Amino acid sequence: MPDVIYWGDVIFSLGMFVILLLLLRKFAWGPIVNMMKEREEHIANEIDTAEKSRQDAEKYLEEQRKEVERAKEEAQSIVETARKTSERQGEEIVAQARSEAERLKENALEDISREKEQAVAELREQVSTLSVMIATKIIEKELDEKEQEKLIEEYIQEAGERL
């Protein structure tokens, strides 16, 4: 084969190649580049969205941690307040019970004293009544000493039965 270059064929091939490149650039390269740019933008948007979602999730997680911590502190405060209130109420109940017991004791002592005085007064009244009765009987009857003692014994028994 001879080393002959057919410049017409070369120029024709080169011309066809340039036309093919221009056609590819106009109809294929532009849309491919545009599609690649759209894909790149889409991926960049997805990455940005994912990053924003991650940041939002971290922010929400931190807020939830703070909220849980606040709830724990509030629960502890409520428990402490309830404990103090129950202790105070317990002390008040004990103090009221003691006061009531003391009042009942004083009332009972007053009642006992009043009953005692009343019993003593009744006993005095009965003794004086008996004395008057005995004196009346003695006056009505002039008795000797034996009869007088017998009469006194009878009245004492009567008085004992009345009491």
Protein backbone atom coordinates (compact mmCIF):
# COMPACT_ATOMS: atom_id res chain seq x y z
CA MET A 1 0.00 0.00 0.00
CA PRO A 2 1.28 3.19 -0.97
CA ASP A 3 1.62 5.97 1.45
CA VAL A 4 -0.56 8.26 -0.41
CA ILE A 5 -2.80 10.55 1.46
CA TYR A 6 -5.95 11.49 -0.20
CA TRP A 7 -6.41 14.98 0.99
CA GLY A 8 -9.93 15.14 -0.29
CA ASP A 9 -10.94 12.17 1.83
CA VAL A 10 -9.18 13.66 4.84
CA ILE A 11 -10.90 16.99 4.41
CA PHE A 12 -14.23 15.26 3.80
CA SER A 13 -13.75 13.10 6.94
CA LEU A 14 -12.60 16.10 8.90
CA GLY A 15 -15.59 18.11 7.68
CA MET A 16 -17.96 15.29 8.55
CA PHE A 17 -16.33 14.98 11.97
CA VAL A 18 -16.75 18.72 12.60
CA ILE A 19 -20.38 18.56 11.42
CA LEU A 20 -20.94 15.55 13.64
CA LEU A 21 -19.38 17.44 16.59
CA LEU A 22 -21.58 20.46 15.91
CA LEU A 23 -24.68 18.28 15.66
CA LEU A 24 -23.71 16.43 18.82
CA ARG A 25 -23.06 19.71 20.58
CA LYS A 26 -26.37 21.16 19.51
CA PHE A 27 -28.60 18.11 19.94
CA ALA A 28 -26.78 15.83 22.37
CA TRP A 29 -24.13 17.71 24.33
CA GLY A 30 -26.38 20.60 25.45
CA PRO A 31 -29.18 18.38 26.74
CA ILE A 32 -26.67 16.02 28.38
CA VAL A 33 -24.88 18.92 30.07
CA ASN A 34 -28.22 20.44 31.10
CA MET A 35 -29.37 17.07 32.44
CA MET A 36 -26.07 16.73 34.35
CA LYS A 37 -26.47 20.25 35.78
CA GLU A 38 -30.06 19.53 36.80
CA ARG A 39 -28.91 16.28 38.39
CA GLU A 40 -26.09 18.09 40.18
CA GLU A 41 -28.52 20.77 41.45
CA HIS A 42 -30.99 18.10 42.51
CA ILE A 43 -28.31 16.20 44.43
CA ALA A 44 -27.05 19.46 45.99
CA ASN A 45 -30.63 20.31 47.03
CA GLU A 46 -31.09 16.83 48.48
CA ILE A 47 -27.82 17.19 50.41
CA ASP A 48 -28.91 20.63 51.68
CA THR A 49 -32.32 19.27 52.65
CA ALA A 50 -30.74 16.29 54.41
CA GLU A 51 -28.31 18.59 56.25
CA LYS A 52 -31.15 20.92 57.25
CA SER A 53 -33.21 17.91 58.41
CA ARG A 54 -30.23 16.63 60.40
CA GLN A 55 -29.76 20.04 62.03
CA ASP A 56 -33.49 20.28 62.78
CA ALA A 57 -33.41 16.77 64.28
CA GLU A 58 -30.41 17.68 66.46
CA LYS A 59 -32.12 20.88 67.54
CA TYR A 60 -35.34 18.99 68.33
CA LEU A 61 -33.38 16.31 70.21
CA GLU A 62 -31.65 18.98 72.30
CA GLU A 63 -35.00 20.66 73.00
CA GLN A 64 -36.44 17.29 74.07
CA ARG A 65 -33.47 16.68 76.36
CA LYS A 66 -33.98 20.08 77.96
CA GLU A 67 -37.72 19.41 78.28
CA VAL A 68 -37.09 16.03 79.93
CA GLU A 69 -34.59 17.65 82.32
CA ARG A 70 -37.08 20.40 83.13
CA ALA A 71 -39.82 17.79 83.70
CA LYS A 72 -37.52 15.85 86.04
CA GLU A 73 -36.77 19.01 88.02
CA GLU A 74 -40.46 19.89 88.15
CA ALA A 75 -41.36 16.37 89.31
CA GLN A 76 -38.67 16.54 91.98
CA SER A 77 -40.03 19.91 93.10
CA ILE A 78 -43.58 18.53 93.26
CA VAL A 79 -42.44 15.51 95.27
CA GLU A 80 -40.49 17.74 97.67
CA THR A 81 -43.46 20.09 98.08
CA ALA A 82 -45.80 17.16 98.70
CA ARG A 83 -43.39 15.70 101.27
CA LYS A 84 -43.12 19.03 103.12
CA THR A 85 -46.89 19.52 103.00
CA SER A 86 -47.55 16.03 104.33
CA GLU A 87 -45.02 16.54 107.14
CA ARG A 88 -46.60 19.87 108.05
CA GLN A 89 -50.11 18.37 107.96
CA GLY A 90 -48.93 15.44 110.07
CA GLU A 91 -47.49 17.80 112.65
CA GLU A 92 -50.71 19.84 112.62
CA ILE A 93 -52.81 16.69 113.11
CA VAL A 94 -50.61 15.55 116.00
CA ALA A 95 -50.79 19.02 117.58
CA GLN A 96 -54.58 19.08 117.18
CA ALA A 97 -54.85 15.58 118.66
CA ARG A 98 -52.72 16.60 121.63
CA SER A 99 -54.74 19.77 122.11
CA GLU A 100 -57.99 17.82 121.89
CA ALA A 101 -56.70 15.19 124.32
CA GLU A 102 -55.63 17.92 126.75
CA ARG A 103 -59.02 19.62 126.42
CA LEU A 104 -60.84 16.32 126.99
CA LYS A 105 -58.64 15.62 130.00
CA GLU A 106 -59.36 19.06 131.46
CA ASN A 107 -63.09 18.62 130.81
CA ALA A 108 -62.99 15.19 132.44
CA LEU A 109 -61.17 16.58 135.48
CA GLU A 110 -63.70 19.42 135.72
CA ASP A 111 -66.56 16.93 135.43
CA ILE A 112 -64.99 14.71 138.09
CA SER A 113 -64.50 17.69 140.39
CA ARG A 114 -68.06 18.88 139.81
CA GLU A 115 -69.45 15.37 140.37
CA LYS A 116 -67.36 15.05 143.53
CA GLU A 117 -68.62 18.38 144.88
CA GLN A 118 -72.17 17.44 143.97
CA ALA A 119 -71.80 14.03 145.68
CA VAL A 120 -70.32 15.67 148.78
CA ALA A 121 -73.17 18.20 148.81
CA GLU A 122 -75.76 15.44 148.45
CA LEU A 123 -74.05 13.42 151.16
CA ARG A 124 -74.07 16.45 153.49
CA GLU A 125 -77.71 17.02 152.71
CA GLN A 126 -78.54 13.40 153.42
CA VAL A 127 -76.47 13.44 156.63
CA SER A 128 -78.22 16.59 157.80
CA THR A 129 -81.59 15.11 156.86
CA LEU A 130 -80.72 11.94 158.71
CA SER A 131 -79.52 13.95 161.70
CA VAL A 132 -82.77 15.87 161.76
CA MET A 133 -84.74 12.64 161.45
CA ILE A 134 -82.75 11.02 164.21
CA ALA A 135 -83.14 14.07 166.40
CA THR A 136 -86.87 14.11 165.69
CA LYS A 137 -87.22 10.45 166.54
CA ILE A 138 -85.17 10.90 169.65
CA ILE A 139 -87.28 13.82 170.74
CA GLU A 140 -90.46 11.93 169.97
CA LYS A 141 -89.30 9.04 172.00
CA GLU A 142 -87.44 9.39 175.09
CA LEU A 143 -85.30 6.41 174.82
CA ASP A 144 -82.73 4.80 176.93
CA GLU A 145 -79.24 4.39 175.64
CA LYS A 146 -79.74 0.91 174.15
CA GLU A 147 -82.85 1.93 172.25
CA GLN A 148 -81.11 5.11 171.08
CA GLU A 149 -78.17 3.10 169.69
CA LYS A 150 -80.55 0.63 168.07
CA LEU A 151 -82.43 3.53 166.49
CA ILE A 152 -79.18 5.10 165.24
CA GLU A 153 -78.12 1.79 163.73
CA GLU A 154 -81.46 1.49 161.92
CA TYR A 155 -81.17 4.98 160.49
CA ILE A 156 -77.59 4.38 159.42
CA GLN A 157 -78.71 1.25 157.60
CA GLU A 158 -81.55 3.21 155.97
CA ALA A 159 -79.08 5.90 154.96
CA GLY A 160 -76.72 3.26 153.56
CA GLU A 161 -79.54 1.78 151.48
CA ARG A 162 -80.45 5.21 150.11
CA LEU A 163 -76.88 5.95 149.08
